[in-house]
Amino acid sequence: MERQTTLEERFGQCPYATAQSLISGKWAVLILFYLEEGPIRFNELLRKMPKMTHATLSVQLKSLEGYGLVKREQFEAIPPRVEYSLTEIGKKFHPVIAAMETFGNEYIAQMDGGGKQ
């Protein structure tokens, strides 16, 4: 009988558990989606996120940065300017976002068409 393992134990070993961990934050997918448009400043990103607090966005960005999906760049200016962008590995998430959009649209169409299960 196979021993039960946690998601954390499978991180870095199982591709599904690893991907799920990387995007486990409530807003992670939307953040990655908006960063596909190119570098963006913190407050601009915050304005795009519905009902997200400053603290929550900060935590989510730090998490994505820690996983190597997002890059934070600080510019020497007064006031200091910080921009966030996708790393090379973060950019490879694009096909996943595109597939999620396709699925989401199909699901919405099914729900709108009375196909609720």
PDB file of N, CA and C in Angstrom:
ATOM      1  N   MET A   1       0.846  -1.176   0.000  1.00  0.00           N
ATOM      2  CA  MET A   1       0.000   0.000   0.000  1.00  0.00           C
ATOM      3  C   MET A   1       0.891   1.239   0.000  1.00  0.00           C
ATOM      4  N   GLU A   2       0.568   2.205  -0.874  1.00  0.00           N
ATOM      5  CA  GLU A   2       1.365   3.425  -0.980  1.00  0.00           C
ATOM      6  C   GLU A   2       1.081   4.354   0.201  1.00  0.00           C
ATOM      7  N   ARG A   3       2.163   4.904   0.741  1.00  0.00           N
ATOM      8  CA  ARG A   3       2.042   5.822   1.873  1.00  0.00           C
ATOM      9  C   ARG A   3       1.427   7.130   1.398  1.00  0.00           C
ATOM     10  N   GLN A   4       0.508   7.689   2.169  1.00  0.00           N
ATOM     11  CA  GLN A   4      -0.105   8.977   1.851  1.00  0.00           C
ATOM     12  C   GLN A   4       0.926  10.080   2.053  1.00  0.00           C
ATOM     13  N   THR A   5       1.017  10.984   1.092  1.00  0.00           N
ATOM     14  CA  THR A   5       1.951  12.096   1.204  1.00  0.00           C
ATOM     15  C   THR A   5       1.188  13.400   1.085  1.00  0.00           C
ATOM     16  N   THR A   6       1.778  14.438   1.632  1.00  0.00           N
ATOM     17  CA  THR A   6       1.159  15.753   1.563  1.00  0.00           C
ATOM     18  C   THR A   6       1.594  16.453   0.284  1.00  0.00           C
ATOM     19  N   LEU A   7       0.892  17.516  -0.038  1.00  0.00           N
ATOM     20  CA  LEU A   7       1.239  18.327  -1.197  1.00  0.00           C
ATOM     21  C   LEU A   7       2.661  18.863  -1.047  1.00  0.00           C
ATOM     22  N   GLU A   8       3.005  19.282   0.154  1.00  0.00           N
ATOM     23  CA  GLU A   8       4.345  19.817   0.406  1.00  0.00           C
ATOM     24  C   GLU A   8       5.427  18.762   0.166  1.00  0.00           C
ATOM     25  N   GLU A   9       5.143  17.533   0.547  1.00  0.00           N
ATOM     26  CA  GLU A   9       6.107  16.451   0.350  1.00  0.00           C
ATOM     27  C   GLU A   9       6.277  16.110  -1.135  1.00  0.00           C
ATOM     28  N   ARG A  10       5.246  16.340  -1.922  1.00  0.00           N
ATOM     29  CA  ARG A  10       5.310  16.027  -3.351  1.00  0.00           C
ATOM     30  C   ARG A  10       5.888  17.169  -4.182  1.00  0.00           C
ATOM     31  N   PHE A  11       6.002  18.369  -3.567  1.00  0.00           N
ATOM     32  CA  PHE A  11       6.526  19.530  -4.285  1.00  0.00           C
ATOM     33  C   PHE A  11       7.935  19.227  -4.798  1.00  0.00           C
ATOM     34  N   GLY A  12       8.153  19.518  -6.062  1.00  0.00           N
ATOM     35  CA  GLY A  12       9.458  19.276  -6.659  1.00  0.00           C
ATOM     36  C   GLY A  12       9.662  17.847  -7.139  1.00  0.00           C
ATOM     37  N   GLN A  13       8.681  16.982  -6.884  1.00  0.00           N
ATOM     38  CA  GLN A  13       8.775  15.588  -7.317  1.00  0.00           C
ATOM     39  C   GLN A  13       7.642  15.236  -8.277  1.00  0.00           C
ATOM     40  N   CYS A  14       6.463  15.681  -7.965  1.00  0.00           N
ATOM     41  CA  CYS A  14       5.283  15.411  -8.786  1.00  0.00           C
ATOM     42  C   CYS A  14       4.943  16.692  -9.557  1.00  0.00           C
ATOM     43  N   PRO A  15       4.828  16.624 -10.879  1.00  0.00           N
ATOM     44  CA  PRO A  15       4.556  17.845 -11.641  1.00  0.00           C
ATOM     45  C   PRO A  15       3.214  18.491 -11.300  1.00  0.00           C
ATOM     46  N   TYR A  16       2.211  17.689 -10.979  1.00  0.00           N
ATOM     47  CA  TYR A  16       0.893  18.235 -10.659  1.00  0.00           C
ATOM     48  C   TYR A  16       0.906  18.926  -9.298  1.00  0.00           C
ATOM     49  N   ALA A  17       1.504  18.283  -8.314  1.00  0.00           N
ATOM     50  CA  ALA A  17       1.602  18.878  -6.982  1.00  0.00           C
ATOM     51  C   ALA A  17       2.457  20.140  -7.014  1.00  0.00           C
ATOM     52  N   THR A  18       3.511  20.120  -7.811  1.00  0.00           N
ATOM     53  CA  THR A  18       4.388  21.291  -7.923  1.00  0.00           C
ATOM     54  C   THR A  18       3.625  22.455  -8.542  1.00  0.00           C
ATOM     55  N   ALA A  19       2.952  22.229  -9.669  1.00  0.00           N
ATOM     56  CA  ALA A  19       2.195  23.295 -10.321  1.00  0.00           C
ATOM     57  C   ALA A  19       1.085  23.815  -9.423  1.00  0.00           C
ATOM     58  N   GLN A  20       0.398  22.914  -8.729  1.00  0.00           N
ATOM     59  CA  GLN A  20      -0.678  23.333  -7.834  1.00  0.00           C
ATOM     60  C   GLN A  20      -0.136  24.205  -6.708  1.00  0.00           C
ATOM     61  N   SER A  21       1.007  23.859  -6.170  1.00  0.00           N
ATOM     62  CA  SER A  21       1.610  24.648  -5.099  1.00  0.00           C
ATOM     63  C   SER A  21       1.986  26.041  -5.591  1.00  0.00           C
ATOM     64  N   LEU A  22       2.519  26.121  -6.796  1.00  0.00           N
ATOM     65  CA  LEU A  22       2.963  27.401  -7.337  1.00  0.00           C
ATOM     66  C   LEU A  22       1.818  28.390  -7.510  1.00  0.00           C
ATOM     67  N   ILE A  23       0.645  27.901  -7.842  1.00  0.00           N
ATOM     68  CA  ILE A  23      -0.488  28.793  -8.098  1.00  0.00           C
ATOM     69  C   ILE A  23      -1.577  28.640  -7.047  1.00  0.00           C
ATOM     70  N   SER A  24      -1.211  28.214  -5.854  1.00  0.00           N
ATOM     71  CA  SER A  24      -2.211  27.938  -4.829  1.00  0.00           C
ATOM     72  C   SER A  24      -2.819  29.188  -4.214  1.00  0.00           C
ATOM     73  N   GLY A  25      -2.153  30.328  -4.332  1.00  0.00           N
ATOM     74  CA  GLY A  25      -2.723  31.555  -3.781  1.00  0.00           C
ATOM     75  C   GLY A  25      -4.000  31.930  -4.510  1.00  0.00           C
ATOM     76  N   LYS A  26      -4.950  32.490  -3.777  1.00  0.00           N
ATOM     77  CA  LYS A  26      -6.258  32.833  -4.334  1.00  0.00           C
ATOM     78  C   LYS A  26      -6.146  33.716  -5.579  1.00  0.00           C
ATOM     79  N   TRP A  27      -5.170  34.602  -5.620  1.00  0.00           N
ATOM     80  CA  TRP A  27      -5.043  35.568  -6.698  1.00  0.00           C
ATOM     81  C   TRP A  27      -3.883  35.260  -7.648  1.00  0.00           C
ATOM     82  N   ALA A  28      -3.170  34.188  -7.450  1.00  0.00           N
ATOM     83  CA  ALA A  28      -1.949  33.909  -8.205  1.00  0.00           C
ATOM     84  C   ALA A  28      -2.178  33.875  -9.714  1.00  0.00           C
ATOM     85  N   VAL A  29      -3.212  33.218 -10.165  1.00  0.00           N
ATOM     86  CA  VAL A  29      -3.460  33.089 -11.603  1.00  0.00           C
ATOM     87  C   VAL A  29      -3.765  34.459 -12.218  1.00  0.00           C
ATOM     88  N   LEU A  30      -4.579  35.267 -11.539  1.00  0.00           N
ATOM     89  CA  LEU A  30      -4.884  36.595 -12.063  1.00  0.00           C
ATOM     90  C   LEU A  30      -3.641  37.479 -12.098  1.00  0.00           C
ATOM     91  N   ILE A  31      -2.808  37.388 -11.081  1.00  0.00           N
ATOM     92  CA  ILE A  31      -1.564  38.163 -11.062  1.00  0.00           C
ATOM     93  C   ILE A  31      -0.694  37.765 -12.251  1.00  0.00           C
ATOM     94  N   LEU A  32      -0.527  36.472 -12.465  1.00  0.00           N
ATOM     95  CA  LEU A  32       0.275  36.004 -13.598  1.00  0.00           C
ATOM     96  C   LEU A  32      -0.337  36.452 -14.923  1.00  0.00           C
ATOM     97  N   PHE A  33      -1.653  36.441 -15.012  1.00  0.00           N
ATOM     98  CA  PHE A  33      -2.341  36.895 -16.220  1.00  0.00           C
ATOM     99  C   PHE A  33      -2.030  38.364 -16.493  1.00  0.00           C
ATOM    100  N   TYR A  34      -2.168  39.216 -15.495  1.00  0.00           N
ATOM    101  CA  TYR A  34      -1.919  40.648 -15.694  1.00  0.00           C
ATOM    102  C   TYR A  34      -0.447  40.934 -15.983  1.00  0.00           C
ATOM    103  N   LEU A  35       0.441  40.147 -15.427  1.00  0.00           N
ATOM    104  CA  LEU A  35       1.864  40.360 -15.683  1.00  0.00           C
ATOM    105  C   LEU A  35       2.266  39.936 -17.098  1.00  0.00           C
ATOM    106  N   GLU A  36       1.424  39.169 -17.778  1.00  0.00           N
ATOM    107  CA  GLU A  36       1.705  38.805 -19.167  1.00  0.00           C
ATOM    108  C   GLU A  36       1.739  40.038 -20.063  1.00  0.00           C
ATOM    109  N   GLU A  37       1.057  41.105 -19.659  1.00  0.00           N
ATOM    110  CA  GLU A  37       1.008  42.335 -20.445  1.00  0.00           C
ATOM    111  C   GLU A  37       2.347  43.068 -20.424  1.00  0.00           C
ATOM    112  N   GLY A  38       3.221  42.689 -19.506  1.00  0.00           N
ATOM    113  CA  GLY A  38       4.518  43.351 -19.375  1.00  0.00           C
ATOM    114  C   GLY A  38       4.699  43.871 -17.961  1.00  0.00           C
ATOM    115  N   PRO A  39       5.851  44.487 -17.688  1.00  0.00           N
ATOM    116  CA  PRO A  39       6.119  44.993 -16.340  1.00  0.00           C
ATOM    117  C   PRO A  39       5.022  45.947 -15.880  1.00  0.00           C
ATOM    118  N   ILE A  40       4.712  45.870 -14.599  1.00  0.00           N
ATOM    119  CA  ILE A  40       3.636  46.681 -14.051  1.00  0.00           C
ATOM    120  C   ILE A  40       4.006  47.105 -12.626  1.00  0.00           C
ATOM    121  N   ARG A  41       3.622  48.302 -12.276  1.00  0.00           N
ATOM    122  CA  ARG A  41       3.896  48.810 -10.939  1.00  0.00           C
ATOM    123  C   ARG A  41       2.870  48.253  -9.953  1.00  0.00           C
ATOM    124  N   PHE A  42       3.263  48.211  -8.695  1.00  0.00           N
ATOM    125  CA  PHE A  42       2.449  47.616  -7.642  1.00  0.00           C
ATOM    126  C   PHE A  42       1.043  48.204  -7.612  1.00  0.00           C
ATOM    127  N   ASN A  43       0.931  49.533  -7.524  1.00  0.00           N
ATOM    128  CA  ASN A  43      -0.388  50.154  -7.398  1.00  0.00           C
ATOM    129  C   ASN A  43      -1.251  49.957  -8.637  1.00  0.00           C
ATOM    130  N   GLU A  44      -0.628  49.904  -9.804  1.00  0.00           N
ATOM    131  CA  GLU A  44      -1.374  49.644 -11.027  1.00  0.00           C
ATOM    132  C   GLU A  44      -1.949  48.225 -10.999  1.00  0.00           C
ATOM    133  N   LEU A  45      -1.155  47.285 -10.548  1.00  0.00           N
ATOM    134  CA  LEU A  45      -1.618  45.907 -10.419  1.00  0.00           C
ATOM    135  C   LEU A  45      -2.729  45.814  -9.371  1.00  0.00           C
ATOM    136  N   LEU A  46      -2.567  46.531  -8.279  1.00  0.00           N
ATOM    137  CA  LEU A  46      -3.580  46.529  -7.219  1.00  0.00           C
ATOM    138  C   LEU A  46      -4.923  47.040  -7.749  1.00  0.00           C
ATOM    139  N   ARG A  47      -4.896  48.059  -8.596  1.00  0.00           N
ATOM    140  CA  ARG A  47      -6.140  48.603  -9.170  1.00  0.00           C
ATOM    141  C   ARG A  47      -6.848  47.586 -10.066  1.00  0.00           C
ATOM    142  N   LYS A  48      -6.099  46.687 -10.675  1.00  0.00           N
ATOM    143  CA  LYS A  48      -6.684  45.679 -11.570  1.00  0.00           C
ATOM    144  C   LYS A  48      -7.321  44.517 -10.799  1.00  0.00           C
ATOM    145  N   MET A  49      -6.977  44.388  -9.527  1.00  0.00           N
ATOM    146  CA  MET A  49      -7.422  43.238  -8.744  1.00  0.00           C
ATOM    147  C   MET A  49      -8.672  43.594  -7.947  1.00  0.00           C
ATOM    148  N   PRO A  50      -9.775  42.911  -8.190  1.00  0.00           N
ATOM    149  CA  PRO A  50     -11.028  43.227  -7.497  1.00  0.00           C
ATOM    150  C   PRO A  50     -10.969  42.887  -6.004  1.00  0.00           C
ATOM    151  N   LYS A  51     -11.212  43.902  -5.208  1.00  0.00           N
ATOM    152  CA  LYS A  51     -11.338  43.727  -3.748  1.00  0.00           C
ATOM    153  C   LYS A  51     -10.098  43.133  -3.082  1.00  0.00           C
ATOM    154  N   MET A  52      -8.936  43.361  -3.630  1.00  0.00           N
ATOM    155  CA  MET A  52      -7.710  42.850  -3.019  1.00  0.00           C
ATOM    156  C   MET A  52      -7.089  43.944  -2.166  1.00  0.00           C
ATOM    157  N   THR A  53      -6.584  43.555  -1.007  1.00  0.00           N
ATOM    158  CA  THR A  53      -5.921  44.532  -0.148  1.00  0.00           C
ATOM    159  C   THR A  53      -4.453  44.657  -0.525  1.00  0.00           C
ATOM    160  N   HIS A  54      -3.861  45.750  -0.114  1.00  0.00           N
ATOM    161  CA  HIS A  54      -2.440  46.014  -0.335  1.00  0.00           C
ATOM    162  C   HIS A  54      -1.609  44.880   0.259  1.00  0.00           C
ATOM    163  N   ALA A  55      -1.946  44.482   1.482  1.00  0.00           N
ATOM    164  CA  ALA A  55      -1.199  43.436   2.182  1.00  0.00           C
ATOM    165  C   ALA A  55      -1.295  42.095   1.457  1.00  0.00           C
ATOM    166  N   THR A  56      -2.483  41.764   0.978  1.00  0.00           N
ATOM    167  CA  THR A  56      -2.669  40.488   0.273  1.00  0.00           C
ATOM    168  C   THR A  56      -1.862  40.452  -1.015  1.00  0.00           C
ATOM    169  N   LEU A  57      -1.893  41.542  -1.778  1.00  0.00           N
ATOM    170  CA  LEU A  57      -1.116  41.581  -3.018  1.00  0.00           C
ATOM    171  C   LEU A  57       0.367  41.454  -2.716  1.00  0.00           C
ATOM    172  N   SER A  58       0.805  42.125  -1.679  1.00  0.00           N
ATOM    173  CA  SER A  58       2.213  42.053  -1.293  1.00  0.00           C
ATOM    174  C   SER A  58       2.624  40.615  -0.968  1.00  0.00           C
ATOM    175  N   VAL A  59       1.800  39.914  -0.202  1.00  0.00           N
ATOM    176  CA  VAL A  59       2.085  38.528   0.172  1.00  0.00           C
ATOM    177  C   VAL A  59       2.103  37.632  -1.064  1.00  0.00           C
ATOM    178  N   GLN A  60       1.120  37.805  -1.954  1.00  0.00           N
ATOM    179  CA  GLN A  60       1.033  36.976  -3.156  1.00  0.00           C
ATOM    180  C   GLN A  60       2.241  37.211  -4.064  1.00  0.00           C
ATOM    181  N   LEU A  61       2.637  38.482  -4.239  1.00  0.00           N
ATOM    182  CA  LEU A  61       3.795  38.784  -5.078  1.00  0.00           C
ATOM    183  C   LEU A  61       5.075  38.209  -4.485  1.00  0.00           C
ATOM    184  N   LYS A  62       5.227  38.309  -3.173  1.00  0.00           N
ATOM    185  CA  LYS A  62       6.421  37.739  -2.519  1.00  0.00           C
ATOM    186  C   LYS A  62       6.467  36.229  -2.701  1.00  0.00           C
ATOM    187  N   SER A  63       5.310  35.589  -2.620  1.00  0.00           N
ATOM    188  CA  SER A  63       5.247  34.147  -2.814  1.00  0.00           C
ATOM    189  C   SER A  63       5.645  33.777  -4.243  1.00  0.00           C
ATOM    190  N   LEU A  64       5.057  34.461  -5.221  1.00  0.00           N
ATOM    191  CA  LEU A  64       5.373  34.184  -6.620  1.00  0.00           C
ATOM    192  C   LEU A  64       6.829  34.510  -6.935  1.00  0.00           C
ATOM    193  N   GLU A  65       7.353  35.544  -6.291  1.00  0.00           N
ATOM    194  CA  GLU A  65       8.766  35.883  -6.455  1.00  0.00           C
ATOM    195  C   GLU A  65       9.647  34.796  -5.837  1.00  0.00           C
ATOM    196  N   GLY A  66       9.245  34.308  -4.673  1.00  0.00           N
ATOM    197  CA  GLY A  66       9.987  33.242  -4.005  1.00  0.00           C
ATOM    198  C   GLY A  66      10.046  31.962  -4.828  1.00  0.00           C
ATOM    199  N   TYR A  67       8.982  31.697  -5.572  1.00  0.00           N
ATOM    200  CA  TYR A  67       8.942  30.520  -6.442  1.00  0.00           C
ATOM    201  C   TYR A  67       9.667  30.757  -7.765  1.00  0.00           C
ATOM    202  N   GLY A  68      10.099  31.984  -7.999  1.00  0.00           N
ATOM    203  CA  GLY A  68      10.840  32.283  -9.219  1.00  0.00           C
ATOM    204  C   GLY A  68       9.975  32.566 -10.435  1.00  0.00           C
ATOM    205  N   LEU A  69       8.680  32.812 -10.230  1.00  0.00           N
ATOM    206  CA  LEU A  69       7.782  33.087 -11.347  1.00  0.00           C
ATOM    207  C   LEU A  69       7.698  34.577 -11.668  1.00  0.00           C
ATOM    208  N   VAL A  70       7.952  35.405 -10.647  1.00  0.00           N
ATOM    209  CA  VAL A  70       7.838  36.853 -10.771  1.00  0.00           C
ATOM    210  C   VAL A  70       9.141  37.500 -10.357  1.00  0.00           C
ATOM    211  N   LYS A  71       9.482  38.573 -11.064  1.00  0.00           N
ATOM    212  CA  LYS A  71      10.698  39.325 -10.756  1.00  0.00           C
ATOM    213  C   LYS A  71      10.291  40.715 -10.261  1.00  0.00           C
ATOM    214  N   ARG A  72      10.938  41.150  -9.183  1.00  0.00           N
ATOM    215  CA  ARG A  72      10.710  42.488  -8.629  1.00  0.00           C
ATOM    216  C   ARG A  72      11.933  43.331  -8.957  1.00  0.00           C
ATOM    217  N   GLU A  73      11.688  44.492  -9.554  1.00  0.00           N
ATOM    218  CA  GLU A  73      12.791  45.378  -9.904  1.00  0.00           C
ATOM    219  C   GLU A  73      12.532  46.751  -9.304  1.00  0.00           C
ATOM    220  N   GLN A  74      13.501  47.208  -8.508  1.00  0.00           N
ATOM    221  CA  GLN A  74      13.376  48.507  -7.871  1.00  0.00           C
ATOM    222  C   GLN A  74      14.277  49.500  -8.592  1.00  0.00           C
ATOM    223  N   PHE A  75      13.704  50.652  -8.921  1.00  0.00           N
ATOM    224  CA  PHE A  75      14.428  51.710  -9.617  1.00  0.00           C
ATOM    225  C   PHE A  75      14.759  52.818  -8.634  1.00  0.00           C
ATOM    226  N   GLU A  76      15.967  53.330  -8.732  1.00  0.00           N
ATOM    227  CA  GLU A  76      16.380  54.425  -7.862  1.00  0.00           C
ATOM    228  C   GLU A  76      15.723  55.705  -8.351  1.00  0.00           C
ATOM    229  N   ALA A  77      14.713  56.113  -7.653  1.00  0.00           N
ATOM    230  CA  ALA A  77      13.982  57.329  -7.979  1.00  0.00           C
ATOM    231  C   ALA A  77      13.345  57.841  -6.698  1.00  0.00           C
ATOM    232  N   ILE A  78      12.865  59.039  -6.739  1.00  0.00           N
ATOM    233  CA  ILE A  78      12.153  59.584  -5.592  1.00  0.00           C
ATOM    234  C   ILE A  78      10.764  59.964  -6.082  1.00  0.00           C
ATOM    235  N   PRO A  79       9.718  59.343  -5.569  1.00  0.00           N
ATOM    236  CA  PRO A  79       9.753  58.210  -4.639  1.00  0.00           C
ATOM    237  C   PRO A  79      10.233  56.940  -5.353  1.00  0.00           C
ATOM    238  N   PRO A  80      10.680  55.950  -4.572  1.00  0.00           N
ATOM    239  CA  PRO A  80      11.167  54.705  -5.179  1.00  0.00           C
ATOM    240  C   PRO A  80      10.082  54.073  -6.058  1.00  0.00           C
ATOM    241  N   ARG A  81      10.503  53.544  -7.186  1.00  0.00           N
ATOM    242  CA  ARG A  81       9.580  52.906  -8.118  1.00  0.00           C
ATOM    243  C   ARG A  81       9.914  51.428  -8.191  1.00  0.00           C
ATOM    244  N   VAL A  82       8.890  50.608  -8.068  1.00  0.00           N
ATOM    245  CA  VAL A  82       9.061  49.159  -8.137  1.00  0.00           C
ATOM    246  C   VAL A  82       8.151  48.620  -9.228  1.00  0.00           C
ATOM    247  N   GLU A  83       8.700  47.746 -10.066  1.00  0.00           N
ATOM    248  CA  GLU A  83       7.912  47.089 -11.101  1.00  0.00           C
ATOM    249  C   GLU A  83       8.032  45.578 -10.947  1.00  0.00           C
ATOM    250  N   TYR A  84       6.962  44.903 -11.308  1.00  0.00           N
ATOM    251  CA  TYR A  84       6.929  43.446 -11.282  1.00  0.00           C
ATOM    252  C   TYR A  84       6.757  42.941 -12.704  1.00  0.00           C
ATOM    253  N   SER A  85       7.420  41.838 -13.010  1.00  0.00           N
ATOM    254  CA  SER A  85       7.303  41.225 -14.325  1.00  0.00           C
ATOM    255  C   SER A  85       7.478  39.721 -14.180  1.00  0.00           C
ATOM    256  N   LEU A  86       7.171  39.014 -15.244  1.00  0.00           N
ATOM    257  CA  LEU A  86       7.346  37.564 -15.240  1.00  0.00           C
ATOM    258  C   LEU A  86       8.798  37.212 -15.531  1.00  0.00           C
ATOM    259  N   THR A  87       9.275  36.170 -14.888  1.00  0.00           N
ATOM    260  CA  THR A  87      10.589  35.618 -15.199  1.00  0.00           C
ATOM    261  C   THR A  87      10.426  34.728 -16.432  1.00  0.00           C
ATOM    262  N   GLU A  88      11.519  34.190 -16.923  1.00  0.00           N
ATOM    263  CA  GLU A  88      11.427  33.296 -18.088  1.00  0.00           C
ATOM    264  C   GLU A  88      10.540  32.091 -17.784  1.00  0.00           C
ATOM    265  N   ILE A  89      10.690  31.501 -16.609  1.00  0.00           N
ATOM    266  CA  ILE A  89       9.849  30.349 -16.270  1.00  0.00           C
ATOM    267  C   ILE A  89       8.408  30.798 -16.034  1.00  0.00           C
ATOM    268  N   GLY A  90       8.224  31.999 -15.514  1.00  0.00           N
ATOM    269  CA  GLY A  90       6.882  32.539 -15.326  1.00  0.00           C
ATOM    270  C   GLY A  90       6.157  32.723 -16.652  1.00  0.00           C
ATOM    271  N   LYS A  91       6.903  33.117 -17.695  1.00  0.00           N
ATOM    272  CA  LYS A  91       6.309  33.292 -19.023  1.00  0.00           C
ATOM    273  C   LYS A  91       5.834  31.969 -19.606  1.00  0.00           C
ATOM    274  N   LYS A  92       6.428  30.877 -19.172  1.00  0.00           N
ATOM    275  CA  LYS A  92       6.040  29.555 -19.673  1.00  0.00           C
ATOM    276  C   LYS A  92       4.681  29.112 -19.127  1.00  0.00           C
ATOM    277  N   PHE A  93       4.126  29.897 -18.211  1.00  0.00           N
ATOM    278  CA  PHE A  93       2.805  29.601 -17.660  1.00  0.00           C
ATOM    279  C   PHE A  93       1.694  30.048 -18.626  1.00  0.00           C
ATOM    280  N   HIS A  94       2.037  30.821 -19.645  1.00  0.00           N
ATOM    281  CA  HIS A  94       1.030  31.358 -20.573  1.00  0.00           C
ATOM    282  C   HIS A  94       0.097  30.299 -21.167  1.00  0.00           C
ATOM    283  N   PRO A  95       0.597  29.166 -21.678  1.00  0.00           N
ATOM    284  CA  PRO A  95      -0.333  28.176 -22.237  1.00  0.00           C
ATOM    285  C   PRO A  95      -1.331  27.650 -21.201  1.00  0.00           C
ATOM    286  N   VAL A  96      -0.928  27.604 -19.949  1.00  0.00           N
ATOM    287  CA  VAL A  96      -1.842  27.158 -18.892  1.00  0.00           C
ATOM    288  C   VAL A  96      -2.962  28.178 -18.729  1.00  0.00           C
ATOM    289  N   ILE A  97      -2.599  29.465 -18.712  1.00  0.00           N
ATOM    290  CA  ILE A  97      -3.607  30.521 -18.591  1.00  0.00           C
ATOM    291  C   ILE A  97      -4.544  30.494 -19.792  1.00  0.00           C
ATOM    292  N   ALA A  98      -4.003  30.306 -20.985  1.00  0.00           N
ATOM    293  CA  ALA A  98      -4.833  30.237 -22.191  1.00  0.00           C
ATOM    294  C   ALA A  98      -5.802  29.059 -22.115  1.00  0.00           C
ATOM    295  N   ALA A  99      -5.321  27.912 -21.634  1.00  0.00           N
ATOM    296  CA  ALA A  99      -6.192  26.735 -21.493  1.00  0.00           C
ATOM    297  C   ALA A  99      -7.267  26.984 -20.439  1.00  0.00           C
ATOM    298  N   MET A 100      -6.914  27.673 -19.368  1.00  0.00           N
ATOM    299  CA  MET A 100      -7.900  27.991 -18.331  1.00  0.00           C
ATOM    300  C   MET A 100      -8.976  28.925 -18.881  1.00  0.00           C
ATOM    301  N   GLU A 101      -8.567  29.877 -19.730  1.00  0.00           N
ATOM    302  CA  GLU A 101      -9.534  30.786 -20.349  1.00  0.00           C
ATOM    303  C   GLU A 101     -10.502  30.008 -21.228  1.00  0.00           C
ATOM    304  N   THR A 102      -9.987  29.104 -22.044  1.00  0.00           N
ATOM    305  CA  THR A 102     -10.828  28.295 -22.923  1.00  0.00           C
ATOM    306  C   THR A 102     -11.814  27.474 -22.102  1.00  0.00           C
ATOM    307  N   PHE A 103     -11.316  26.794 -21.085  1.00  0.00           N
ATOM    308  CA  PHE A 103     -12.190  25.986 -20.234  1.00  0.00           C
ATOM    309  C   PHE A 103     -13.221  26.868 -19.540  1.00  0.00           C
ATOM    310  N   GLY A 104     -12.773  27.991 -18.983  1.00  0.00           N
ATOM    311  CA  GLY A 104     -13.687  28.890 -18.276  1.00  0.00           C
ATOM    312  C   GLY A 104     -14.803  29.391 -19.170  1.00  0.00           C
ATOM    313  N   ASN A 105     -14.464  29.775 -20.396  1.00  0.00           N
ATOM    314  CA  ASN A 105     -15.490  30.232 -21.342  1.00  0.00           C
ATOM    315  C   ASN A 105     -16.467  29.122 -21.699  1.00  0.00           C
ATOM    316  N   GLU A 106     -15.961  27.911 -21.905  1.00  0.00           N
ATOM    317  CA  GLU A 106     -16.841  26.784 -22.215  1.00  0.00           C
ATOM    318  C   GLU A 106     -17.751  26.454 -21.032  1.00  0.00           C
ATOM    319  N   TYR A 107     -17.203  26.520 -19.849  1.00  0.00           N
ATOM    320  CA  TYR A 107     -17.996  26.235 -18.647  1.00  0.00           C
ATOM    321  C   TYR A 107     -19.089  27.288 -18.467  1.00  0.00           C
ATOM    322  N   ILE A 108     -18.720  28.562 -18.638  1.00  0.00           N
ATOM    323  CA  ILE A 108     -19.697  29.647 -18.513  1.00  0.00           C
ATOM    324  C   ILE A 108     -20.804  29.477 -19.546  1.00  0.00           C
ATOM    325  N   ALA A 109     -20.426  29.153 -20.778  1.00  0.00           N
ATOM    326  CA  ALA A 109     -21.443  28.949 -21.833  1.00  0.00           C
ATOM    327  C   ALA A 109     -22.379  27.801 -21.475  1.00  0.00           C
ATOM    328  N   GLN A 110     -21.826  26.727 -20.927  1.00  0.00           N
ATOM    329  CA  GLN A 110     -22.661  25.600 -20.517  1.00  0.00           C
ATOM    330  C   GLN A 110     -23.612  26.010 -19.407  1.00  0.00           C
ATOM    331  N   MET A 111     -23.095  26.753 -18.440  1.00  0.00           N
ATOM    332  CA  MET A 111     -23.941  27.184 -17.317  1.00  0.00           C
ATOM    333  C   MET A 111     -25.030  28.135 -17.802  1.00  0.00           C
ATOM    334  N   ASP A 112     -24.691  29.032 -18.709  1.00  0.00           N
ATOM    335  CA  ASP A 112     -25.663  29.987 -19.250  1.00  0.00           C
ATOM    336  C   ASP A 112     -26.717  29.295 -20.102  1.00  0.00           C
ATOM    337  N   GLY A 113     -26.318  28.172 -20.714  1.00  0.00           N
ATOM    338  CA  GLY A 113     -27.240  27.457 -21.591  1.00  0.00           C
ATOM    339  C   GLY A 113     -28.148  26.484 -20.856  1.00  0.00           C
ATOM    340  N   GLY A 114     -28.151  26.545 -19.555  1.00  0.00           N
ATOM    341  CA  GLY A 114     -29.017  25.660 -18.795  1.00  0.00           C
ATOM    342  C   GLY A 114     -28.429  24.281 -18.588  1.00  0.00           C
ATOM    343  N   GLY A 115     -27.135  24.124 -18.845  1.00  0.00           N
ATOM    344  CA  GLY A 115     -26.513  22.827 -18.706  1.00  0.00           C
ATOM    345  C   GLY A 115     -26.001  22.546 -17.301  1.00  0.00           C
ATOM    346  N   LYS A 116     -26.592  23.194 -16.304  1.00  0.00           N
ATOM    347  CA  LYS A 116     -26.146  22.975 -14.916  1.00  0.00           C
ATOM    348  C   LYS A 116     -26.397  21.532 -14.517  1.00  0.00           C
ATOM    349  N   GLN A 117     -25.418  20.984 -13.870  1.00  0.00           N
ATOM    350  CA  GLN A 117     -25.526  19.591 -13.434  1.00  0.00           C
ATOM    351  C   GLN A 117     -26.092  19.515 -12.041  1.00  0.00           C
TER     352      GLN A 117
END
